[in-house]
């Protein structure tokens, strides 16, 4: 399939997804879209997710996101993560990184920043991502992130649970020194 033809098919499928009124037709369109392997579809699908109510439609989109295999899609998720203000969308995006094959390691700083700014549930999602990271980090990267969390703990009056989760995140980062 030529590039121009493929882009036209992607555009048509995105339009069909937006107009879809059943989980079954949505599944079909998402499967076709996934086979085209185009990371540029992530942003419009995330916008659709963000603007849709809880329910089967959103659930199908989540399942699609969790199954994404194109590594270049990671940057699309991260870009949207920094754009959205909705906590539930941020949590879902972060969960994509521990439920899919996307490699989150180069975005460690962003995840830590989100954990500091977010609620307890978001910290749990970030903790899950960090626990599942396989890459080695430089001592400087780890120290910078640990220091950022420690400073946030000192400067903010987090509730006991969030403070505990952030300390657990520090512990998880410190374990990376031992594993190297």
C-alpha atoms as a PDB file:
ATOM      1  CA  UNK A   1       0.000   0.000   0.000  1.00  0.00           C
ATOM      2  CA  UNK A   2       1.427   3.361  -1.005  1.00  0.00           C
ATOM      3  CA  UNK A   3       1.931   6.069   1.622  1.00  0.00           C
ATOM      4  CA  UNK A   4      -0.756   8.365   0.223  1.00  0.00           C
ATOM      5  CA  UNK A   5      -3.270   5.518   0.118  1.00  0.00           C
ATOM      6  CA  UNK A   6      -2.326   4.414   3.641  1.00  0.00           C
ATOM      7  CA  UNK A   7      -2.792   7.948   5.042  1.00  0.00           C
ATOM      8  CA  UNK A   8      -6.204   8.177   3.377  1.00  0.00           C
ATOM      9  CA  UNK A   9      -7.209   4.847   4.926  1.00  0.00           C
ATOM     10  CA  UNK A  10      -6.009   6.028   8.365  1.00  0.00           C
ATOM     11  CA  UNK A  11      -8.047   9.233   8.029  1.00  0.00           C
ATOM     12  CA  UNK A  12     -11.150   7.283   6.983  1.00  0.00           C
ATOM     13  CA  UNK A  13     -10.772   4.839   9.878  1.00  0.00           C
ATOM     14  CA  UNK A  14     -10.374   7.681  12.383  1.00  0.00           C
ATOM     15  CA  UNK A  15     -13.599   9.220  11.073  1.00  0.00           C
ATOM     16  CA  UNK A  16     -15.392   5.879  11.372  1.00  0.00           C
ATOM     17  CA  UNK A  17     -14.110   5.472  14.934  1.00  0.00           C
ATOM     18  CA  UNK A  18     -15.407   8.917  15.893  1.00  0.00           C
ATOM     19  CA  UNK A  19     -18.844   8.035  14.535  1.00  0.00           C
ATOM     20  CA  UNK A  20     -18.844   4.493  15.878  1.00  0.00           C
ATOM     21  CA  UNK A  21     -21.813   3.668  18.078  1.00  0.00           C
ATOM     22  CA  UNK A  22     -21.055   0.082  19.007  1.00  0.00           C
ATOM     23  CA  UNK A  23     -18.165  -1.636  20.747  1.00  0.00           C
ATOM     24  CA  UNK A  24     -18.116  -4.276  18.003  1.00  0.00           C
ATOM     25  CA  UNK A  25     -17.659  -1.827  15.126  1.00  0.00           C
ATOM     26  CA  UNK A  26     -15.131   0.120  17.189  1.00  0.00           C
ATOM     27  CA  UNK A  27     -13.101  -3.068  17.735  1.00  0.00           C
ATOM     28  CA  UNK A  28     -13.079  -3.740  14.000  1.00  0.00           C
ATOM     29  CA  UNK A  29     -11.950  -0.216  13.119  1.00  0.00           C
ATOM     30  CA  UNK A  30      -9.272  -0.205  15.818  1.00  0.00           C
ATOM     31  CA  UNK A  31      -7.947  -3.557  14.625  1.00  0.00           C
ATOM     32  CA  UNK A  32      -7.690  -2.232  11.067  1.00  0.00           C
ATOM     33  CA  UNK A  33      -6.017   0.916  12.346  1.00  0.00           C
ATOM     34  CA  UNK A  34      -3.539  -1.120  14.397  1.00  0.00           C
ATOM     35  CA  UNK A  35      -2.567  -3.144  11.352  1.00  0.00           C
ATOM     36  CA  UNK A  36      -1.587   0.068   9.564  1.00  0.00           C
ATOM     37  CA  UNK A  37       0.912   0.808  12.348  1.00  0.00           C
ATOM     38  CA  UNK A  38       0.677   4.582  12.307  1.00  0.00           C
ATOM     39  CA  UNK A  39       1.724   6.374  15.514  1.00  0.00           C
ATOM     40  CA  UNK A  40       0.136   9.593  14.246  1.00  0.00           C
ATOM     41  CA  UNK A  41      -3.250   8.108  15.179  1.00  0.00           C
ATOM     42  CA  UNK A  42      -2.431   8.162  18.888  1.00  0.00           C
ATOM     43  CA  UNK A  43      -3.177  11.849  19.441  1.00  0.00           C
ATOM     44  CA  UNK A  44      -6.649  11.868  17.817  1.00  0.00           C
ATOM     45  CA  UNK A  45      -7.532   8.645  19.632  1.00  0.00           C
ATOM     46  CA  UNK A  46      -6.388  10.128  22.944  1.00  0.00           C
ATOM     47  CA  UNK A  47      -8.493  13.237  22.281  1.00  0.00           C
ATOM     48  CA  UNK A  48     -11.458  10.998  21.564  1.00  0.00           C
ATOM     49  CA  UNK A  49     -10.750   9.053  24.760  1.00  0.00           C
ATOM     50  CA  UNK A  50     -10.473  12.233  26.818  1.00  0.00           C
ATOM     51  CA  UNK A  51     -13.757  13.603  25.498  1.00  0.00           C
ATOM     52  CA  UNK A  52     -15.741  10.377  25.850  1.00  0.00           C
ATOM     53  CA  UNK A  53     -17.666   9.321  28.950  1.00  0.00           C
ATOM     54  CA  UNK A  54     -16.658   6.241  30.952  1.00  0.00           C
ATOM     55  CA  UNK A  55     -17.974   3.069  29.372  1.00  0.00           C
ATOM     56  CA  UNK A  56     -17.367   0.388  26.735  1.00  0.00           C
ATOM     57  CA  UNK A  57     -16.131   2.884  24.125  1.00  0.00           C
ATOM     58  CA  UNK A  58     -13.352   4.131  26.406  1.00  0.00           C
ATOM     59  CA  UNK A  59     -12.548   0.575  27.484  1.00  0.00           C
ATOM     60  CA  UNK A  60     -12.006  -0.500  23.858  1.00  0.00           C
ATOM     61  CA  UNK A  61      -9.685   2.455  23.304  1.00  0.00           C
ATOM     62  CA  UNK A  62      -7.706   1.517  26.426  1.00  0.00           C
ATOM     63  CA  UNK A  63      -7.355  -2.062  25.184  1.00  0.00           C
ATOM     64  CA  UNK A  64      -6.103  -0.721  21.860  1.00  0.00           C
ATOM     65  CA  UNK A  65      -3.540   1.506  23.602  1.00  0.00           C
ATOM     66  CA  UNK A  66      -2.305  -1.369  25.784  1.00  0.00           C
ATOM     67  CA  UNK A  67      -1.696  -3.459  22.660  1.00  0.00           C
ATOM     68  CA  UNK A  68       0.363  -0.883  20.745  1.00  0.00           C
ATOM     69  CA  UNK A  69       3.731  -2.199  19.641  1.00  0.00           C
ATOM     70  CA  UNK A  70       5.214   0.705  17.650  1.00  0.00           C
ATOM     71  CA  UNK A  71       7.926   2.256  19.823  1.00  0.00           C
ATOM     72  CA  UNK A  72       7.513   5.636  18.110  1.00  0.00           C
ATOM     73  CA  UNK A  73       4.050   5.783  19.699  1.00  0.00           C
ATOM     74  CA  UNK A  74       5.690   6.360  23.101  1.00  0.00           C
ATOM     75  CA  UNK A  75       6.543   9.959  22.202  1.00  0.00           C
ATOM     76  CA  UNK A  76       2.921  10.589  21.167  1.00  0.00           C
ATOM     77  CA  UNK A  77       1.680   9.361  24.539  1.00  0.00           C
ATOM     78  CA  UNK A  78       4.241  11.481  26.404  1.00  0.00           C
ATOM     79  CA  UNK A  79       3.348  14.595  24.397  1.00  0.00           C
ATOM     80  CA  UNK A  80      -0.314  14.120  25.237  1.00  0.00           C
ATOM     81  CA  UNK A  81       0.516  13.418  28.877  1.00  0.00           C
ATOM     82  CA  UNK A  82       2.055  16.875  29.158  1.00  0.00           C
ATOM     83  CA  UNK A  83      -0.929  18.459  27.361  1.00  0.00           C
ATOM     84  CA  UNK A  84      -3.866  16.986  29.251  1.00  0.00           C
ATOM     85  CA  UNK A  85      -5.069  18.322  32.576  1.00  0.00           C
ATOM     86  CA  UNK A  86      -7.422  15.419  33.319  1.00  0.00           C
ATOM     87  CA  UNK A  87      -6.053  13.121  36.012  1.00  0.00           C
ATOM     88  CA  UNK A  88      -7.861  10.020  34.731  1.00  0.00           C
ATOM     89  CA  UNK A  89      -6.335  10.495  31.269  1.00  0.00           C
ATOM     90  CA  UNK A  90      -2.860  10.972  32.755  1.00  0.00           C
ATOM     91  CA  UNK A  91      -3.290   7.746  34.776  1.00  0.00           C
ATOM     92  CA  UNK A  92      -4.400   5.811  31.714  1.00  0.00           C
ATOM     93  CA  UNK A  93      -1.481   7.105  29.624  1.00  0.00           C
ATOM     94  CA  UNK A  94       1.033   6.195  32.321  1.00  0.00           C
ATOM     95  CA  UNK A  95      -0.546   2.753  32.683  1.00  0.00           C
ATOM     96  CA  UNK A  96       0.029   2.186  28.960  1.00  0.00           C
ATOM     97  CA  UNK A  97       3.751   2.126  29.691  1.00  0.00           C
ATOM     98  CA  UNK A  98       3.574  -0.782  32.111  1.00  0.00           C
ATOM     99  CA  UNK A  99       0.813  -2.677  30.320  1.00  0.00           C
ATOM    100  CA  UNK A 100       2.261  -2.510  26.808  1.00  0.00           C
ATOM    101  CA  UNK A 101       5.617  -3.193  25.208  1.00  0.00           C
ATOM    102  CA  UNK A 102       6.460   0.509  24.953  1.00  0.00           C
ATOM    103  CA  UNK A 103       9.814   1.324  26.510  1.00  0.00           C
ATOM    104  CA  UNK A 104       9.423   4.033  29.162  1.00  0.00           C
ATOM    105  CA  UNK A 105      13.040   4.440  30.260  1.00  0.00           C
ATOM    106  CA  UNK A 106      13.858   7.634  28.375  1.00  0.00           C
ATOM    107  CA  UNK A 107      10.866   9.331  30.009  1.00  0.00           C
ATOM    108  CA  UNK A 108      11.800   8.622  33.637  1.00  0.00           C
ATOM    109  CA  UNK A 109      12.106  12.342  34.496  1.00  0.00           C
ATOM    110  CA  UNK A 110       8.625  13.032  33.123  1.00  0.00           C
ATOM    111  CA  UNK A 111       7.095  10.148  35.062  1.00  0.00           C
ATOM    112  CA  UNK A 112       8.707  11.325  38.293  1.00  0.00           C
ATOM    113  CA  UNK A 113       7.447  14.876  37.698  1.00  0.00           C
ATOM    114  CA  UNK A 114       3.921  13.543  37.127  1.00  0.00           C
ATOM    115  CA  UNK A 115       4.128  11.465  40.317  1.00  0.00           C
ATOM    116  CA  UNK A 116       5.083  14.539  42.321  1.00  0.00           C
ATOM    117  CA  UNK A 117       2.282  16.659  40.832  1.00  0.00           C
ATOM    118  CA  UNK A 118      -0.395  13.952  40.753  1.00  0.00           C
ATOM    119  CA  UNK A 119      -2.551  12.167  43.277  1.00  0.00           C
ATOM    120  CA  UNK A 120      -1.889   8.849  45.013  1.00  0.00           C
ATOM    121  CA  UNK A 121      -3.335   6.775  42.177  1.00  0.00           C
ATOM    122  CA  UNK A 122      -1.032   8.459  39.698  1.00  0.00           C
ATOM    123  CA  UNK A 123       1.965   7.756  41.946  1.00  0.00           C
ATOM    124  CA  UNK A 124       0.932   4.089  41.979  1.00  0.00           C
ATOM    125  CA  UNK A 125       0.881   4.059  38.160  1.00  0.00           C
ATOM    126  CA  UNK A 126       4.342   5.644  38.030  1.00  0.00           C
ATOM    127  CA  UNK A 127       5.592   3.172  40.615  1.00  0.00           C
ATOM    128  CA  UNK A 128       4.339   0.325  38.405  1.00  0.00           C
ATOM    129  CA  UNK A 129       6.170   1.781  35.413  1.00  0.00           C
ATOM    130  CA  UNK A 130       9.428   2.179  37.352  1.00  0.00           C
ATOM    131  CA  UNK A 131       9.189  -1.338  38.805  1.00  0.00           C
ATOM    132  CA  UNK A 132       8.877  -2.733  35.281  1.00  0.00           C
ATOM    133  CA  UNK A 133      11.753  -0.748  33.748  1.00  0.00           C
ATOM    134  CA  UNK A 134      14.632  -2.890  32.549  1.00  0.00           C
ATOM    135  CA  UNK A 135      17.208  -0.310  31.534  1.00  0.00           C
ATOM    136  CA  UNK A 136      20.131   0.831  33.531  1.00  0.00           C
ATOM    137  CA  UNK A 137      20.313   4.487  34.412  1.00  0.00           C
ATOM    138  CA  UNK A 138      23.283   6.646  35.153  1.00  0.00           C
ATOM    139  CA  UNK A 139      23.905   7.484  38.766  1.00  0.00           C
ATOM    140  CA  UNK A 140      23.284  11.139  37.903  1.00  0.00           C
ATOM    141  CA  UNK A 141      19.823  10.380  36.412  1.00  0.00           C
ATOM    142  CA  UNK A 142      18.798   8.403  39.461  1.00  0.00           C
ATOM    143  CA  UNK A 143      20.202  10.940  41.929  1.00  0.00           C
ATOM    144  CA  UNK A 144      18.453  13.840  40.167  1.00  0.00           C
ATOM    145  CA  UNK A 145      15.099  12.078  40.301  1.00  0.00           C
ATOM    146  CA  UNK A 146      15.565  10.990  43.908  1.00  0.00           C
ATOM    147  CA  UNK A 147      16.525  14.549  44.838  1.00  0.00           C
ATOM    148  CA  UNK A 148      13.442  15.945  43.043  1.00  0.00           C
ATOM    149  CA  UNK A 149      11.177  13.635  45.020  1.00  0.00           C
ATOM    150  CA  UNK A 150      12.929  14.404  48.314  1.00  0.00           C
ATOM    151  CA  UNK A 151      12.641  18.154  47.704  1.00  0.00           C
ATOM    152  CA  UNK A 152       8.950  17.782  46.904  1.00  0.00           C
ATOM    153  CA  UNK A 153       8.439  15.815  50.122  1.00  0.00           C
ATOM    154  CA  UNK A 154      10.170  18.558  52.116  1.00  0.00           C
ATOM    155  CA  UNK A 155       8.368  21.487  50.443  1.00  0.00           C
ATOM    156  CA  UNK A 156       4.842  20.064  50.266  1.00  0.00           C
ATOM    157  CA  UNK A 157       2.429  18.881  52.854  1.00  0.00           C
ATOM    158  CA  UNK A 158       1.442  15.633  51.130  1.00  0.00           C
ATOM    159  CA  UNK A 159      -0.992  13.350  52.887  1.00  0.00           C
ATOM    160  CA  UNK A 160       0.513  10.340  54.590  1.00  0.00           C
ATOM    161  CA  UNK A 161      -0.351   7.870  51.827  1.00  0.00           C
ATOM    162  CA  UNK A 162       1.104   9.965  48.994  1.00  0.00           C
ATOM    163  CA  UNK A 163       4.251  10.660  51.023  1.00  0.00           C
ATOM    164  CA  UNK A 164       4.597   6.931  51.677  1.00  0.00           C
ATOM    165  CA  UNK A 165       4.169   6.132  47.968  1.00  0.00           C
ATOM    166  CA  UNK A 166       6.746   8.764  46.988  1.00  0.00           C
ATOM    167  CA  UNK A 167       9.174   7.265  49.509  1.00  0.00           C
ATOM    168  CA  UNK A 168       8.515   3.863  47.964  1.00  0.00           C
ATOM    169  CA  UNK A 169       9.342   5.395  44.582  1.00  0.00           C
ATOM    170  CA  UNK A 170      12.654   6.646  46.022  1.00  0.00           C
ATOM    171  CA  UNK A 171      13.341   3.138  47.333  1.00  0.00           C
ATOM    172  CA  UNK A 172      12.605   1.678  43.896  1.00  0.00           C
ATOM    173  CA  UNK A 173      15.007   4.147  42.250  1.00  0.00           C
ATOM    174  CA  UNK A 174      17.715   3.411  44.821  1.00  0.00           C
ATOM    175  CA  UNK A 175      17.424  -0.305  44.039  1.00  0.00           C
ATOM    176  CA  UNK A 176      18.693   0.566  40.555  1.00  0.00           C
ATOM    177  CA  UNK A 177      22.102   1.422  42.054  1.00  0.00           C
ATOM    178  CA  UNK A 178      22.420  -2.077  43.487  1.00  0.00           C
ATOM    179  CA  UNK A 179      21.302  -3.811  40.279  1.00  0.00           C
ATOM    180  CA  UNK A 180      23.946  -2.139  38.093  1.00  0.00           C
END
